[in-house]
Amino acid sequence: MTTFEEVLRILGILARALGMIAFGITSGWFTWQAFNQSEEGWRLKAIVFAVFFLFVALLARYTSPGGLGGYLLGAAGAFLFWGMIDRKGTDQEE
């Protein structure tokens, strides 16, 4: 019986990590989109950026290190991926 519980525990840890990666990707994408929308909306940029860091602070306090790492991995991947796409688009226009 303990082997079955250990397998379920490992599956639960993997599901949590994948869920946090997905949540990190979506929040990173939303932050990137809101941050790059317009030059006049500095209030929106400040609020979205502050909420993003609030997510990171709350996750650091209330989740496991694996959950926080998954979230930050997903968010960093989103920032890098969409940042590279935007950079490629501006390079081709010049």
PDB file of N, CA and C in Angstrom:
ATOM      1  N   MET A   1       0.809  -1.201   0.000  1.00  0.00           N
ATOM      2  CA  MET A   1       0.000   0.000   0.000  1.00  0.00           C
ATOM      3  C   MET A   1       0.852   1.265   0.000  1.00  0.00           C
ATOM      4  N   THR A   2       1.975   1.257   0.661  1.00  0.00           N
ATOM      5  CA  THR A   2       2.801   2.457   0.693  1.00  0.00           C
ATOM      6  C   THR A   2       3.403   2.760  -0.677  1.00  0.00           C
ATOM      7  N   THR A   3       3.667   1.740  -1.473  1.00  0.00           N
ATOM      8  CA  THR A   3       4.211   1.983  -2.809  1.00  0.00           C
ATOM      9  C   THR A   3       3.206   2.730  -3.671  1.00  0.00           C
ATOM     10  N   PHE A   4       1.937   2.369  -3.571  1.00  0.00           N
ATOM     11  CA  PHE A   4       0.899   3.056  -4.330  1.00  0.00           C
ATOM     12  C   PHE A   4       0.774   4.512  -3.883  1.00  0.00           C
ATOM     13  N   GLU A   5       0.865   4.751  -2.580  1.00  0.00           N
ATOM     14  CA  GLU A   5       0.792   6.119  -2.066  1.00  0.00           C
ATOM     15  C   GLU A   5       1.997   6.936  -2.508  1.00  0.00           C
ATOM     16  N   GLU A   6       3.157   6.320  -2.561  1.00  0.00           N
ATOM     17  CA  GLU A   6       4.349   7.031  -3.010  1.00  0.00           C
ATOM     18  C   GLU A   6       4.253   7.386  -4.492  1.00  0.00           C
ATOM     19  N   VAL A   7       3.703   6.488  -5.281  1.00  0.00           N
ATOM     20  CA  VAL A   7       3.510   6.776  -6.706  1.00  0.00           C
ATOM     21  C   VAL A   7       2.535   7.942  -6.870  1.00  0.00           C
ATOM     22  N   LEU A   8       1.451   7.925  -6.113  1.00  0.00           N
ATOM     23  CA  LEU A   8       0.493   9.033  -6.182  1.00  0.00           C
ATOM     24  C   LEU A   8       1.109  10.339  -5.705  1.00  0.00           C
ATOM     25  N   ARG A   9       1.944  10.274  -4.700  1.00  0.00           N
ATOM     26  CA  ARG A   9       2.617  11.477  -4.209  1.00  0.00           C
ATOM     27  C   ARG A   9       3.537  12.051  -5.279  1.00  0.00           C
ATOM     28  N   ILE A  10       4.284  11.203  -5.965  1.00  0.00           N
ATOM     29  CA  ILE A  10       5.175  11.664  -7.040  1.00  0.00           C
ATOM     30  C   ILE A  10       4.361  12.254  -8.191  1.00  0.00           C
ATOM     31  N   LEU A  11       3.264  11.602  -8.550  1.00  0.00           N
ATOM     32  CA  LEU A  11       2.405  12.150  -9.604  1.00  0.00           C
ATOM     33  C   LEU A  11       1.819  13.498  -9.202  1.00  0.00           C
ATOM     34  N   GLY A  12       1.474  13.643  -7.930  1.00  0.00           N
ATOM     35  CA  GLY A  12       0.961  14.922  -7.447  1.00  0.00           C
ATOM     36  C   GLY A  12       2.006  16.027  -7.507  1.00  0.00           C
ATOM     37  N   ILE A  13       3.233  15.690  -7.178  1.00  0.00           N
ATOM     38  CA  ILE A  13       4.318  16.671  -7.260  1.00  0.00           C
ATOM     39  C   ILE A  13       4.549  17.084  -8.708  1.00  0.00           C
ATOM     40  N   LEU A  14       4.538  16.130  -9.620  1.00  0.00           N
ATOM     41  CA  LEU A  14       4.714  16.454 -11.045  1.00  0.00           C
ATOM     42  C   LEU A  14       3.558  17.292 -11.579  1.00  0.00           C
ATOM     43  N   ALA A  15       2.332  16.964 -11.156  1.00  0.00           N
ATOM     44  CA  ALA A  15       1.179  17.743 -11.600  1.00  0.00           C
ATOM     45  C   ALA A  15       1.251  19.167 -11.067  1.00  0.00           C
ATOM     46  N   ARG A  16       1.698  19.336  -9.826  1.00  0.00           N
ATOM     47  CA  ARG A  16       1.838  20.680  -9.269  1.00  0.00           C
ATOM     48  C   ARG A  16       2.897  21.466 -10.020  1.00  0.00           C
ATOM     49  N   ALA A  17       4.012  20.827 -10.325  1.00  0.00           N
ATOM     50  CA  ALA A  17       5.075  21.518 -11.053  1.00  0.00           C
ATOM     51  C   ALA A  17       4.610  21.919 -12.449  1.00  0.00           C
ATOM     52  N   LEU A  18       3.932  21.025 -13.155  1.00  0.00           N
ATOM     53  CA  LEU A  18       3.432  21.363 -14.495  1.00  0.00           C
ATOM     54  C   LEU A  18       2.373  22.459 -14.440  1.00  0.00           C
ATOM     55  N   GLY A  19       1.523  22.412 -13.430  1.00  0.00           N
ATOM     56  CA  GLY A  19       0.519  23.471 -13.273  1.00  0.00           C
ATOM     57  C   GLY A  19       1.150  24.817 -12.990  1.00  0.00           C
ATOM     58  N   MET A  20       2.188  24.832 -12.164  1.00  0.00           N
ATOM     59  CA  MET A  20       2.860  26.104 -11.871  1.00  0.00           C
ATOM     60  C   MET A  20       3.627  26.616 -13.082  1.00  0.00           C
ATOM     61  N   ILE A  21       4.173  25.716 -13.889  1.00  0.00           N
ATOM     62  CA  ILE A  21       4.829  26.147 -15.125  1.00  0.00           C
ATOM     63  C   ILE A  21       3.805  26.778 -16.058  1.00  0.00           C
ATOM     64  N   ALA A  22       2.642  26.149 -16.189  1.00  0.00           N
ATOM     65  CA  ALA A  22       1.588  26.706 -17.047  1.00  0.00           C
ATOM     66  C   ALA A  22       1.101  28.046 -16.510  1.00  0.00           C
ATOM     67  N   PHE A  23       0.945  28.167 -15.199  1.00  0.00           N
ATOM     68  CA  PHE A  23       0.519  29.434 -14.603  1.00  0.00           C
ATOM     69  C   PHE A  23       1.593  30.505 -14.793  1.00  0.00           C
ATOM     70  N   GLY A  24       2.856  30.122 -14.699  1.00  0.00           N
ATOM     71  CA  GLY A  24       3.943  31.069 -14.937  1.00  0.00           C
ATOM     72  C   GLY A  24       3.976  31.554 -16.375  1.00  0.00           C
ATOM     73  N   ILE A  25       3.726  30.642 -17.317  1.00  0.00           N
ATOM     74  CA  ILE A  25       3.706  31.035 -18.731  1.00  0.00           C
ATOM     75  C   ILE A  25       2.573  32.013 -18.995  1.00  0.00           C
ATOM     76  N   THR A  26       1.379  31.715 -18.474  1.00  0.00           N
ATOM     77  CA  THR A  26       0.245  32.602 -18.742  1.00  0.00           C
ATOM     78  C   THR A  26       0.406  33.947 -18.058  1.00  0.00           C
ATOM     79  N   SER A  27       0.886  33.977 -16.834  1.00  0.00           N
ATOM     80  CA  SER A  27       1.059  35.275 -16.172  1.00  0.00           C
ATOM     81  C   SER A  27       2.219  36.047 -16.787  1.00  0.00           C
ATOM     82  N   GLY A  28       3.253  35.351 -17.240  1.00  0.00           N
ATOM     83  CA  GLY A  28       4.348  36.027 -17.938  1.00  0.00           C
ATOM     84  C   GLY A  28       3.896  36.623 -19.259  1.00  0.00           C
ATOM     85  N   TRP A  29       3.065  35.867 -19.995  1.00  0.00           N
ATOM     86  CA  TRP A  29       2.537  36.389 -21.255  1.00  0.00           C
ATOM     87  C   TRP A  29       1.654  37.609 -21.008  1.00  0.00           C
ATOM     88  N   PHE A  30       0.769  37.527 -20.007  1.00  0.00           N
ATOM     89  CA  PHE A  30      -0.105  38.653 -19.714  1.00  0.00           C
ATOM     90  C   PHE A  30       0.691  39.875 -19.289  1.00  0.00           C
ATOM     91  N   THR A  31       1.710  39.677 -18.461  1.00  0.00           N
ATOM     92  CA  THR A  31       2.550  40.800 -18.041  1.00  0.00           C
ATOM     93  C   THR A  31       3.273  41.407 -19.226  1.00  0.00           C
ATOM     94  N   TRP A  32       3.799  40.563 -20.104  1.00  0.00           N
ATOM     95  CA  TRP A  32       4.517  41.061 -21.281  1.00  0.00           C
ATOM     96  C   TRP A  32       3.582  41.843 -22.207  1.00  0.00           C
ATOM     97  N   GLN A  33       2.383  41.314 -22.440  1.00  0.00           N
ATOM     98  CA  GLN A  33       1.433  42.002 -23.318  1.00  0.00           C
ATOM     99  C   GLN A  33       0.982  43.328 -22.729  1.00  0.00           C
ATOM    100  N   ALA A  34       0.668  43.346 -21.455  1.00  0.00           N
ATOM    101  CA  ALA A  34       0.221  44.587 -20.820  1.00  0.00           C
ATOM    102  C   ALA A  34       1.359  45.602 -20.733  1.00  0.00           C
ATOM    103  N   PHE A  35       2.565  45.122 -20.582  1.00  0.00           N
ATOM    104  CA  PHE A  35       3.700  46.037 -20.448  1.00  0.00           C
ATOM    105  C   PHE A  35       4.073  46.659 -21.783  1.00  0.00           C
ATOM    106  N   ASN A  36       3.801  45.999 -22.889  1.00  0.00           N
ATOM    107  CA  ASN A  36       4.197  46.497 -24.208  1.00  0.00           C
ATOM    108  C   ASN A  36       3.050  47.082 -25.020  1.00  0.00           C
ATOM    109  N   GLN A  37       1.888  47.318 -24.423  1.00  0.00           N
ATOM    110  CA  GLN A  37       0.745  47.791 -25.197  1.00  0.00           C
ATOM    111  C   GLN A  37       0.889  49.229 -25.667  1.00  0.00           C
ATOM    112  N   SER A  38       0.975  50.150 -24.754  1.00  0.00           N
ATOM    113  CA  SER A  38       1.019  51.549 -25.170  1.00  0.00           C
ATOM    114  C   SER A  38       1.996  52.311 -24.280  1.00  0.00           C
ATOM    115  N   GLU A  39       2.419  53.433 -24.792  1.00  0.00           N
ATOM    116  CA  GLU A  39       3.338  54.278 -24.031  1.00  0.00           C
ATOM    117  C   GLU A  39       2.607  55.128 -23.001  1.00  0.00           C
ATOM    118  N   GLU A  40       1.326  55.393 -23.227  1.00  0.00           N
ATOM    119  CA  GLU A  40       0.584  56.277 -22.336  1.00  0.00           C
ATOM    120  C   GLU A  40       0.078  55.566 -21.086  1.00  0.00           C
ATOM    121  N   GLY A  41      -0.041  54.263 -21.111  1.00  0.00           N
ATOM    122  CA  GLY A  41      -0.630  53.533 -20.002  1.00  0.00           C
ATOM    123  C   GLY A  41       0.375  53.146 -18.937  1.00  0.00           C
ATOM    124  N   TRP A  42       1.101  54.105 -18.373  1.00  0.00           N
ATOM    125  CA  TRP A  42       2.119  53.781 -17.379  1.00  0.00           C
ATOM    126  C   TRP A  42       1.511  53.261 -16.090  1.00  0.00           C
ATOM    127  N   ARG A  43       0.287  53.660 -15.787  1.00  0.00           N
ATOM    128  CA  ARG A  43      -0.363  53.172 -14.570  1.00  0.00           C
ATOM    129  C   ARG A  43      -0.667  51.677 -14.685  1.00  0.00           C
ATOM    130  N   LEU A  44      -1.146  51.276 -15.855  1.00  0.00           N
ATOM    131  CA  LEU A  44      -1.416  49.858 -16.085  1.00  0.00           C
ATOM    132  C   LEU A  44      -0.132  49.044 -16.008  1.00  0.00           C
ATOM    133  N   LYS A  45       0.933  49.563 -16.591  1.00  0.00           N
ATOM    134  CA  LYS A  45       2.210  48.863 -16.538  1.00  0.00           C
ATOM    135  C   LYS A  45       2.689  48.699 -15.105  1.00  0.00           C
ATOM    136  N   ALA A  46       2.561  49.756 -14.321  1.00  0.00           N
ATOM    137  CA  ALA A  46       3.010  49.692 -12.926  1.00  0.00           C
ATOM    138  C   ALA A  46       2.186  48.700 -12.123  1.00  0.00           C
ATOM    139  N   ILE A  47       0.879  48.690 -12.324  1.00  0.00           N
ATOM    140  CA  ILE A  47       0.014  47.775 -11.580  1.00  0.00           C
ATOM    141  C   ILE A  47       0.284  46.330 -11.976  1.00  0.00           C
ATOM    142  N   VAL A  48       0.394  46.064 -13.274  1.00  0.00           N
ATOM    143  CA  VAL A  48       0.625  44.696 -13.737  1.00  0.00           C
ATOM    144  C   VAL A  48       1.984  44.193 -13.254  1.00  0.00           C
ATOM    145  N   PHE A  49       2.989  45.029 -13.308  1.00  0.00           N
ATOM    146  CA  PHE A  49       4.312  44.628 -12.848  1.00  0.00           C
ATOM    147  C   PHE A  49       4.317  44.382 -11.344  1.00  0.00           C
ATOM    148  N   ALA A  50       3.622  45.234 -10.589  1.00  0.00           N
ATOM    149  CA  ALA A  50       3.534  45.049  -9.134  1.00  0.00           C
ATOM    150  C   ALA A  50       2.779  43.774  -8.781  1.00  0.00           C
ATOM    151  N   VAL A  51       1.709  43.471  -9.501  1.00  0.00           N
ATOM    152  CA  VAL A  51       0.954  42.242  -9.242  1.00  0.00           C
ATOM    153  C   VAL A  51       1.784  41.011  -9.592  1.00  0.00           C
ATOM    154  N   PHE A  52       2.575  41.104 -10.645  1.00  0.00           N
ATOM    155  CA  PHE A  52       3.454  39.990 -10.994  1.00  0.00           C
ATOM    156  C   PHE A  52       4.425  39.704  -9.848  1.00  0.00           C
ATOM    157  N   PHE A  53       5.038  40.738  -9.303  1.00  0.00           N
ATOM    158  CA  PHE A  53       5.950  40.531  -8.186  1.00  0.00           C
ATOM    159  C   PHE A  53       5.225  40.130  -6.916  1.00  0.00           C
ATOM    160  N   LEU A  54       3.969  40.538  -6.765  1.00  0.00           N
ATOM    161  CA  LEU A  54       3.162  40.073  -5.643  1.00  0.00           C
ATOM    162  C   LEU A  54       2.920  38.566  -5.754  1.00  0.00           C
ATOM    163  N   PHE A  55       2.635  38.072  -6.968  1.00  0.00           N
ATOM    164  CA  PHE A  55       2.509  36.628  -7.184  1.00  0.00           C
ATOM    165  C   PHE A  55       3.784  35.907  -6.756  1.00  0.00           C
ATOM    166  N   VAL A  56       4.921  36.440  -7.158  1.00  0.00           N
ATOM    167  CA  VAL A  56       6.194  35.804  -6.822  1.00  0.00           C
ATOM    168  C   VAL A  56       6.400  35.793  -5.306  1.00  0.00           C
ATOM    169  N   ALA A  57       6.100  36.910  -4.645  1.00  0.00           N
ATOM    170  CA  ALA A  57       6.272  36.972  -3.198  1.00  0.00           C
ATOM    171  C   ALA A  57       5.326  36.018  -2.478  1.00  0.00           C
ATOM    172  N   LEU A  58       4.072  35.953  -2.905  1.00  0.00           N
ATOM    173  CA  LEU A  58       3.123  35.044  -2.272  1.00  0.00           C
ATOM    174  C   LEU A  58       3.489  33.588  -2.513  1.00  0.00           C
ATOM    175  N   LEU A  59       3.945  33.278  -3.703  1.00  0.00           N
ATOM    176  CA  LEU A  59       4.361  31.909  -3.984  1.00  0.00           C
ATOM    177  C   LEU A  59       5.606  31.540  -3.189  1.00  0.00           C
ATOM    178  N   ALA A  60       6.507  32.484  -3.003  1.00  0.00           N
ATOM    179  CA  ALA A  60       7.703  32.206  -2.205  1.00  0.00           C
ATOM    180  C   ALA A  60       7.335  31.922  -0.755  1.00  0.00           C
ATOM    181  N   ARG A  61       6.264  32.565  -0.289  1.00  0.00           N
ATOM    182  CA  ARG A  61       5.857  32.378   1.107  1.00  0.00           C
ATOM    183  C   ARG A  61       5.003  31.131   1.311  1.00  0.00           C
ATOM    184  N   TYR A  62       4.079  30.844   0.390  1.00  0.00           N
ATOM    185  CA  TYR A  62       3.052  29.844   0.657  1.00  0.00           C
ATOM    186  C   TYR A  62       3.128  28.560  -0.158  1.00  0.00           C
ATOM    187  N   THR A  63       4.055  28.432  -1.070  1.00  0.00           N
ATOM    188  CA  THR A  63       4.135  27.194  -1.845  1.00  0.00           C
ATOM    189  C   THR A  63       5.485  26.530  -1.636  1.00  0.00           C
ATOM    190  N   SER A  64       5.625  25.369  -2.192  1.00  0.00           N
ATOM    191  CA  SER A  64       6.883  24.627  -2.054  1.00  0.00           C
ATOM    192  C   SER A  64       7.955  25.239  -2.965  1.00  0.00           C
ATOM    193  N   PRO A  65       9.210  24.958  -2.690  1.00  0.00           N
ATOM    194  CA  PRO A  65      10.265  25.460  -3.578  1.00  0.00           C
ATOM    195  C   PRO A  65      10.113  24.967  -5.018  1.00  0.00           C
ATOM    196  N   GLY A  66       9.601  23.752  -5.191  1.00  0.00           N
ATOM    197  CA  GLY A  66       9.380  23.237  -6.543  1.00  0.00           C
ATOM    198  C   GLY A  66       8.291  24.001  -7.270  1.00  0.00           C
ATOM    199  N   GLY A  67       7.238  24.386  -6.545  1.00  0.00           N
ATOM    200  CA  GLY A  67       6.163  25.173  -7.141  1.00  0.00           C
ATOM    201  C   GLY A  67       6.640  26.556  -7.550  1.00  0.00           C
ATOM    202  N   LEU A  68       7.418  27.187  -6.672  1.00  0.00           N
ATOM    203  CA  LEU A  68       7.968  28.504  -6.992  1.00  0.00           C
ATOM    204  C   LEU A  68       8.925  28.419  -8.174  1.00  0.00           C
ATOM    205  N   GLY A  69       9.763  27.384  -8.191  1.00  0.00           N
ATOM    206  CA  GLY A  69      10.685  27.204  -9.311  1.00  0.00           C
ATOM    207  C   GLY A  69       9.960  26.965 -10.616  1.00  0.00           C
ATOM    208  N   GLY A  70       8.887  26.184 -10.575  1.00  0.00           N
ATOM    209  CA  GLY A  70       8.099  25.958 -11.786  1.00  0.00           C
ATOM    210  C   GLY A  70       7.467  27.236 -12.294  1.00  0.00           C
ATOM    211  N   TYR A  71       6.932  28.041 -11.376  1.00  0.00           N
ATOM    212  CA  TYR A  71       6.329  29.311 -11.776  1.00  0.00           C
ATOM    213  C   TYR A  71       7.366  30.238 -12.398  1.00  0.00           C
ATOM    214  N   LEU A  72       8.509  30.364 -11.752  1.00  0.00           N
ATOM    215  CA  LEU A  72       9.543  31.252 -12.275  1.00  0.00           C
ATOM    216  C   LEU A  72      10.128  30.726 -13.584  1.00  0.00           C
ATOM    217  N   LEU A  73      10.226  29.422 -13.719  1.00  0.00           N
ATOM    218  CA  LEU A  73      10.693  28.835 -14.979  1.00  0.00           C
ATOM    219  C   LEU A  73       9.724  29.153 -16.112  1.00  0.00           C
ATOM    220  N   GLY A  74       8.431  29.008 -15.855  1.00  0.00           N
ATOM    221  CA  GLY A  74       7.434  29.327 -16.869  1.00  0.00           C
ATOM    222  C   GLY A  74       7.406  30.804 -17.213  1.00  0.00           C
ATOM    223  N   ALA A  75       7.485  31.664 -16.192  1.00  0.00           N
ATOM    224  CA  ALA A  75       7.465  33.106 -16.442  1.00  0.00           C
ATOM    225  C   ALA A  75       8.718  33.554 -17.194  1.00  0.00           C
ATOM    226  N   ALA A  76       9.864  33.036 -16.801  1.00  0.00           N
ATOM    227  CA  ALA A  76      11.097  33.404 -17.506  1.00  0.00           C
ATOM    228  C   ALA A  76      11.073  32.914 -18.949  1.00  0.00           C
ATOM    229  N   GLY A  77      10.544  31.715 -19.157  1.00  0.00           N
ATOM    230  CA  GLY A  77      10.415  31.212 -20.522  1.00  0.00           C
ATOM    231  C   GLY A  77       9.487  32.071 -21.358  1.00  0.00           C
ATOM    232  N   ALA A  78       8.385  32.523 -20.753  1.00  0.00           N
ATOM    233  CA  ALA A  78       7.453  33.385 -21.483  1.00  0.00           C
ATOM    234  C   ALA A  78       8.102  34.722 -21.823  1.00  0.00           C
ATOM    235  N   PHE A  79       8.810  35.307 -20.863  1.00  0.00           N
ATOM    236  CA  PHE A  79       9.471  36.587 -21.130  1.00  0.00           C
ATOM    237  C   PHE A  79      10.518  36.447 -22.224  1.00  0.00           C
ATOM    238  N   LEU A  80      11.299  35.390 -22.166  1.00  0.00           N
ATOM    239  CA  LEU A  80      12.322  35.186 -23.190  1.00  0.00           C
ATOM    240  C   LEU A  80      11.707  34.906 -24.552  1.00  0.00           C
ATOM    241  N   PHE A  81      10.696  34.037 -24.595  1.00  0.00           N
ATOM    242  CA  PHE A  81      10.090  33.656 -25.870  1.00  0.00           C
ATOM    243  C   PHE A  81       9.422  34.854 -26.535  1.00  0.00           C
ATOM    244  N   TRP A  82       8.522  35.534 -25.820  1.00  0.00           N
ATOM    245  CA  TRP A  82       7.818  36.654 -26.445  1.00  0.00           C
ATOM    246  C   TRP A  82       8.714  37.871 -26.607  1.00  0.00           C
ATOM    247  N   GLY A  83       9.727  37.985 -25.789  1.00  0.00           N
ATOM    248  CA  GLY A  83      10.697  39.062 -25.987  1.00  0.00           C
ATOM    249  C   GLY A  83      11.508  38.858 -27.243  1.00  0.00           C
ATOM    250  N   MET A  84      11.858  37.616 -27.540  1.00  0.00           N
ATOM    251  CA  MET A  84      12.611  37.324 -28.762  1.00  0.00           C
ATOM    252  C   MET A  84      11.734  37.517 -29.994  1.00  0.00           C
ATOM    253  N   ILE A  85      10.461  37.170 -29.893  1.00  0.00           N
ATOM    254  CA  ILE A  85       9.551  37.375 -31.026  1.00  0.00           C
ATOM    255  C   ILE A  85       9.399  38.865 -31.306  1.00  0.00           C
ATOM    256  N   ASP A  86       9.208  39.666 -30.264  1.00  0.00           N
ATOM    257  CA  ASP A  86       9.071  41.106 -30.459  1.00  0.00           C
ATOM    258  C   ASP A  86      10.363  41.716 -30.995  1.00  0.00           C
ATOM    259  N   ARG A  87      11.486  41.232 -30.533  1.00  0.00           N
ATOM    260  CA  ARG A  87      12.763  41.764 -30.995  1.00  0.00           C
ATOM    261  C   ARG A  87      12.999  41.416 -32.464  1.00  0.00           C
ATOM    262  N   LYS A  88      12.626  40.195 -32.872  1.00  0.00           N
ATOM    263  CA  LYS A  88      12.766  39.800 -34.275  1.00  0.00           C
ATOM    264  C   LYS A  88      11.864  40.650 -35.165  1.00  0.00           C
ATOM    265  N   GLY A  89      10.661  40.966 -34.676  1.00  0.00           N
ATOM    266  CA  GLY A  89       9.748  41.788 -35.450  1.00  0.00           C
ATOM    267  C   GLY A  89      10.266  43.191 -35.651  1.00  0.00           C
ATOM    268  N   THR A  90      10.954  43.772 -34.653  1.00  0.00           N
ATOM    269  CA  THR A  90      11.486  45.123 -34.802  1.00  0.00           C
ATOM    270  C   THR A  90      12.739  45.126 -35.655  1.00  0.00           C
ATOM    271  N   ASP A  91      13.512  44.034 -35.633  1.00  0.00           N
ATOM    272  CA  ASP A  91      14.709  43.969 -36.471  1.00  0.00           C
ATOM    273  C   ASP A  91      14.344  43.911 -37.954  1.00  0.00           C
ATOM    274  N   GLN A  92      13.269  43.235 -38.304  1.00  0.00           N
ATOM    275  CA  GLN A  92      12.883  43.090 -39.697  1.00  0.00           C
ATOM    276  C   GLN A  92      12.298  44.385 -40.241  1.00  0.00           C
ATOM    277  N   GLU A  93      11.702  45.225 -39.377  1.00  0.00           N
ATOM    278  CA  GLU A  93      11.101  46.462 -39.862  1.00  0.00           C
ATOM    279  C   GLU A  93      12.141  47.488 -40.232  1.00  0.00           C
ATOM    280  N   GLU A  94      13.320  47.432 -39.615  1.00  0.00           N
ATOM    281  CA  GLU A  94      14.338  48.451 -39.867  1.00  0.00           C
ATOM    282  C   GLU A  94      15.020  48.297 -41.183  1.00  0.00           C
TER     283      GLU A  94
END
